[in-house]
């Protein structure tokens, strides 16, 4: 089922946090149509691996990224210190950006150093290394609404070239007003995937990806498809739906127009 010029790997673990789907186990039942989707605010676990000072400063972006990545690693039975990590999000921390803009618009322009470093796009990657002690390389990517596919492509390339497992964490969080008016992300969500260059006893499916010019596939459930388009990180839900349904099959994910990403799954 692999497309020409495709990249291939094995999915070892999945993490999911989304509105109405607090983890992969419950999300798989919903995405496979075995349970109805019931929307509810995302539940973000406390980042207990962080030291107390960093834990207090951790934003919702950091919390959803850490939780999604750790859940995927736990599912795969892989130590965080053993894998390179790709962090991909459509924007940085909207709440910190809002606070910085308020400061700059006030009479006192002194910006908090903590606010500043927490506003950077690679902040979750930094907190990841603090929380897990991981010393492997990490990358932080942004491709607007195509960020999930950009992260998946990069993770697949690194898995193939390094011949070692790679963790992908795609995540986003809501923006406050007035930023929400131009970037209406309603809640936090994240998807974690652990990829391996070889099949292992824990492998869930073989994944192949290739660039395509066909339109992205919607989800059949209108409520879930609304969620897919509302939170950029959840552009990966059709892939998770295919995995939850048992595959094999192929879905097309949003990337950078006019390109999309064709993703095929073969069950183990």
Protein backbone atom coordinates (compact mmCIF):
# COMPACT_ATOMS: atom_id res chain seq x y z
CA UNK A 1 0.00 0.00 0.00
CA UNK A 2 3.03 2.28 0.01
CA UNK A 3 2.94 5.18 -2.40
CA UNK A 4 5.90 5.79 -4.77
CA UNK A 5 8.82 7.60 -3.12
CA UNK A 6 7.28 7.01 0.30
CA UNK A 7 8.91 6.91 3.71
CA UNK A 8 8.13 3.96 5.96
CA UNK A 9 8.32 3.26 9.69
CA UNK A 10 6.48 1.39 12.44
CA UNK A 11 4.13 3.02 14.95
CA UNK A 12 5.11 1.86 18.44
CA UNK A 13 3.01 4.08 20.68
CA UNK A 14 0.29 6.73 20.62
CA UNK A 15 -0.62 9.57 22.95
CA UNK A 16 -3.76 11.67 22.59
CA UNK A 17 -5.27 14.55 24.54
CA UNK A 18 -8.21 16.37 22.97
CA UNK A 19 -11.62 17.76 23.87
CA UNK A 20 -13.81 14.79 24.79
CA UNK A 21 -10.88 12.38 24.35
CA UNK A 22 -8.64 12.52 27.43
CA UNK A 23 -6.36 9.67 26.31
CA UNK A 24 -5.68 7.28 23.45
CA UNK A 25 -7.70 4.42 24.93
CA UNK A 26 -10.91 6.45 25.05
CA UNK A 27 -10.08 8.37 21.88
CA UNK A 28 -9.62 5.15 19.89
CA UNK A 29 -13.13 4.02 20.83
CA UNK A 30 -14.57 7.34 19.65
CA UNK A 31 -12.52 7.57 16.45
CA UNK A 32 -13.38 3.99 15.50
CA UNK A 33 -17.10 4.73 15.97
CA UNK A 34 -17.48 2.30 18.84
CA UNK A 35 -18.39 5.09 21.28
CA UNK A 36 -20.19 8.40 20.59
CA UNK A 37 -18.18 11.62 20.67
CA UNK A 38 -19.15 13.84 23.60
CA UNK A 39 -17.38 17.17 23.59
CA UNK A 40 -15.77 18.26 26.85
CA UNK A 41 -12.86 20.57 27.74
CA UNK A 42 -9.43 19.00 27.44
CA UNK A 43 -8.02 17.65 30.69
CA UNK A 44 -4.31 18.48 31.01
CA UNK A 45 -2.41 16.45 33.61
CA UNK A 46 -0.11 18.34 35.97
CA UNK A 47 3.52 18.13 34.75
CA UNK A 48 4.69 16.22 37.81
CA UNK A 49 8.09 15.40 36.32
CA UNK A 50 9.05 19.07 36.36
CA UNK A 51 10.71 20.63 39.43
CA UNK A 52 8.24 22.72 41.49
CA UNK A 53 9.38 26.10 40.15
CA UNK A 54 9.10 25.04 36.49
CA UNK A 55 5.84 23.23 37.23
CA UNK A 56 4.27 26.50 38.41
CA UNK A 57 5.42 28.29 35.26
CA UNK A 58 4.36 25.59 32.81
CA UNK A 59 1.74 26.94 30.42
CA UNK A 60 -1.08 24.95 28.87
CA UNK A 61 1.03 24.56 25.71
CA UNK A 62 3.83 22.99 27.74
CA UNK A 63 1.45 20.79 29.72
CA UNK A 64 -0.32 19.37 26.66
CA UNK A 65 2.98 18.76 24.85
CA UNK A 66 4.56 16.98 27.82
CA UNK A 67 1.47 14.88 28.53
CA UNK A 68 0.99 13.80 24.90
CA UNK A 69 4.64 12.87 24.46
CA UNK A 70 4.91 11.00 27.75
CA UNK A 71 1.71 9.05 27.03
CA UNK A 72 3.09 7.92 23.66
CA UNK A 73 6.37 6.81 25.21
CA UNK A 74 4.58 4.93 27.98
CA UNK A 75 2.40 3.19 25.40
CA UNK A 76 5.51 2.21 23.43
CA UNK A 77 7.49 1.17 26.51
CA UNK A 78 10.33 3.50 25.47
CA UNK A 79 12.55 5.64 27.70
CA UNK A 80 12.45 9.35 26.86
CA UNK A 81 16.22 9.54 27.10
CA UNK A 82 16.53 7.01 24.26
CA UNK A 83 14.71 8.92 21.50
CA UNK A 84 15.10 12.10 19.52
CA UNK A 85 11.99 14.29 19.64
CA UNK A 86 10.15 16.45 17.10
CA UNK A 87 7.85 19.12 18.54
CA UNK A 88 5.43 20.65 16.04
CA UNK A 89 2.81 23.34 16.67
CA UNK A 90 0.99 25.91 14.56
CA UNK A 91 1.85 28.77 16.92
CA UNK A 92 3.65 29.43 20.18
CA UNK A 93 1.99 30.17 23.55
CA UNK A 94 -0.92 32.53 22.90
CA UNK A 95 -1.45 33.39 26.56
CA UNK A 96 2.15 34.49 27.04
CA UNK A 97 2.08 36.38 23.76
CA UNK A 98 -1.04 38.19 24.95
CA UNK A 99 0.63 39.09 28.28
CA UNK A 100 3.72 40.40 26.48
CA UNK A 101 1.59 42.53 24.16
CA UNK A 102 -0.26 43.97 27.17
CA UNK A 103 3.06 44.88 28.78
CA UNK A 104 4.39 46.54 25.64
CA UNK A 105 1.13 48.49 25.24
CA UNK A 106 1.30 49.75 28.83
CA UNK A 107 3.33 52.59 30.35
CA UNK A 108 5.77 50.07 31.83
CA UNK A 109 7.54 48.27 28.99
CA UNK A 110 9.70 46.04 31.20
CA UNK A 111 9.16 42.49 29.98
CA UNK A 112 9.44 39.65 32.45
CA UNK A 113 12.34 37.33 31.44
CA UNK A 114 10.21 34.35 32.49
CA UNK A 115 7.34 35.57 30.30
CA UNK A 116 9.73 36.03 27.40
CA UNK A 117 11.35 32.59 27.47
CA UNK A 118 7.96 30.93 27.96
CA UNK A 119 6.68 32.66 24.81
CA UNK A 120 9.26 31.04 22.52
CA UNK A 121 8.24 28.35 20.06
CA UNK A 122 10.79 25.86 21.41
CA UNK A 123 9.77 26.30 25.06
CA UNK A 124 8.03 22.86 25.24
CA UNK A 125 11.22 21.19 23.96
CA UNK A 126 13.18 22.89 26.73
CA UNK A 127 10.73 21.82 29.41
CA UNK A 128 10.80 18.30 27.92
CA UNK A 129 14.54 18.00 28.51
CA UNK A 130 14.14 19.33 32.06
CA UNK A 131 11.27 16.94 32.84
CA UNK A 132 12.72 13.78 31.31
CA UNK A 133 16.45 14.35 31.43
CA UNK A 134 16.54 13.57 27.71
CA UNK A 135 19.83 14.56 26.07
CA UNK A 136 18.91 13.43 22.55
CA UNK A 137 18.41 15.99 19.82
CA UNK A 138 15.08 17.78 19.51
CA UNK A 139 13.55 20.02 16.87
CA UNK A 140 10.71 22.52 17.09
CA UNK A 141 8.73 23.06 13.89
CA UNK A 142 5.91 25.31 12.74
CA UNK A 143 3.93 25.07 9.51
CA UNK A 144 0.68 26.78 10.52
CA UNK A 145 -2.28 24.45 9.83
CA UNK A 146 0.05 21.93 8.18
CA UNK A 147 2.15 21.52 11.32
CA UNK A 148 1.04 17.95 12.08
CA UNK A 149 2.04 16.74 8.62
CA UNK A 150 5.29 18.74 8.72
CA UNK A 151 6.17 17.12 12.02
CA UNK A 152 5.23 13.66 10.77
CA UNK A 153 7.37 14.09 7.66
CA UNK A 154 10.36 15.22 9.72
CA UNK A 155 9.92 12.35 12.19
CA UNK A 156 9.71 9.83 9.33
CA UNK A 157 12.86 11.24 7.71
CA UNK A 158 14.78 11.13 10.98
CA UNK A 159 13.61 7.60 11.71
CA UNK A 160 14.84 6.46 8.28
CA UNK A 161 18.17 8.30 8.37
CA UNK A 162 19.11 7.59 11.98
CA UNK A 163 17.69 4.05 12.06
CA UNK A 164 16.57 4.81 15.60
CA UNK A 165 13.19 5.51 17.25
CA UNK A 166 11.84 9.06 17.06
CA UNK A 167 9.06 10.75 19.04
CA UNK A 168 6.66 13.16 17.35
CA UNK A 169 4.62 15.53 19.51
CA UNK A 170 2.10 17.75 17.69
CA UNK A 171 0.20 20.16 19.93
CA UNK A 172 -1.68 23.45 20.13
CA UNK A 173 -3.52 25.46 22.76
CA UNK A 174 -6.19 28.12 22.77
CA UNK A 175 -5.57 31.86 22.41
CA UNK A 176 -7.24 34.52 24.57
CA UNK A 177 -9.06 37.52 23.13
CA UNK A 178 -8.29 39.56 21.10
CA UNK A 179 -5.89 37.01 19.52
CA UNK A 180 -8.73 34.48 19.47
CA UNK A 181 -10.59 36.67 16.96
CA UNK A 182 -7.90 36.02 14.33
CA UNK A 183 -6.73 32.59 15.52
CA UNK A 184 -9.83 30.89 16.98
CA UNK A 185 -8.27 27.74 18.48
CA UNK A 186 -10.87 26.71 21.10
CA UNK A 187 -8.88 24.40 23.39
CA UNK A 188 -5.61 22.55 23.92
CA UNK A 189 -4.88 19.25 22.20
CA UNK A 190 -1.92 17.06 21.39
CA UNK A 191 -0.95 13.89 19.52
CA UNK A 192 2.16 11.87 20.32
CA UNK A 193 3.58 9.14 18.09
CA UNK A 194 6.60 6.93 18.65
CA UNK A 195 8.07 5.70 15.37
CA UNK A 196 10.59 2.88 14.89
CA UNK A 197 12.63 1.98 11.80
CA UNK A 198 12.05 -1.74 12.45
CA UNK A 199 9.14 -3.85 13.58
CA UNK A 200 9.12 -4.84 17.25
CA UNK A 201 6.77 -6.98 19.36
CA UNK A 202 4.99 -3.75 20.36
CA UNK A 203 4.49 -2.41 16.83
CA UNK A 204 0.90 -1.33 16.11
CA UNK A 205 1.11 -0.77 12.35
CA UNK A 206 3.46 -0.01 9.49
CA UNK A 207 3.10 3.58 8.32
CA UNK A 208 4.07 4.97 4.91
CA UNK A 209 3.85 8.63 3.91
CA UNK A 210 4.26 10.44 0.60
CA UNK A 211 3.44 13.89 -0.72
CA UNK A 212 0.19 14.15 -2.67
CA UNK A 213 -1.94 16.70 -4.49
CA UNK A 214 -5.32 15.25 -3.47
CA UNK A 215 -7.53 17.12 -0.97
CA UNK A 216 -7.34 16.20 2.73
CA UNK A 217 -9.84 13.64 3.99
CA UNK A 218 -12.53 14.80 6.43
CA UNK A 219 -13.80 12.67 9.29
CA UNK A 220 -17.22 11.10 8.77
CA UNK A 221 -18.53 12.37 12.13
CA UNK A 222 -19.33 16.10 11.63
CA UNK A 223 -18.54 16.96 15.26
CA UNK A 224 -15.16 15.24 15.09
CA UNK A 225 -14.40 16.89 11.77
CA UNK A 226 -15.19 20.28 13.27
CA UNK A 227 -12.67 19.46 16.00
CA UNK A 228 -10.13 18.39 13.37
CA UNK A 229 -10.29 21.73 11.61
CA UNK A 230 -10.60 23.84 14.79
CA UNK A 231 -7.32 22.69 16.41
CA UNK A 232 -4.41 22.39 13.95
CA UNK A 233 -2.67 19.57 15.86
CA UNK A 234 -5.78 17.45 15.35
CA UNK A 235 -5.33 17.46 11.56
CA UNK A 236 -3.80 14.08 12.42
CA UNK A 237 -7.10 12.60 13.64
CA UNK A 238 -7.87 10.79 10.34
CA UNK A 239 -4.60 8.87 10.80
CA UNK A 240 -5.52 7.97 14.37
CA UNK A 241 -9.01 7.01 13.22
CA UNK A 242 -7.56 4.61 10.67
CA UNK A 243 -5.29 3.12 13.33
CA UNK A 244 -8.18 2.81 15.80
CA UNK A 245 -10.38 1.08 13.22
CA UNK A 246 -7.76 -1.57 12.66
CA UNK A 247 -6.63 -0.62 9.15
CA UNK A 248 -5.23 -1.25 6.64
CA UNK A 249 -6.07 1.81 4.63
CA UNK A 250 -4.99 5.22 3.42
CA UNK A 251 -5.89 8.78 4.43
CA UNK A 252 -4.83 12.16 3.12
CA UNK A 253 -3.84 14.83 5.65
CA UNK A 254 -3.62 18.58 5.31
CA UNK A 255 -0.14 19.96 4.62
CA UNK A 256 1.06 23.08 2.78
CA UNK A 257 -1.36 23.79 -0.08
CA UNK A 258 -1.43 22.69 -2.82
CA UNK A 259 0.41 19.70 -1.31
CA UNK A 260 -1.13 17.23 1.12
CA UNK A 261 0.28 14.13 2.81
CA UNK A 262 -0.86 10.64 1.82
CA UNK A 263 -0.58 8.23 4.77
CA UNK A 264 -0.98 4.46 4.46
CA UNK A 265 -1.24 1.95 7.29
CA UNK A 266 -0.62 -1.78 7.15
CA UNK A 267 -1.48 -3.81 10.23
CA UNK A 268 1.16 -5.98 11.81
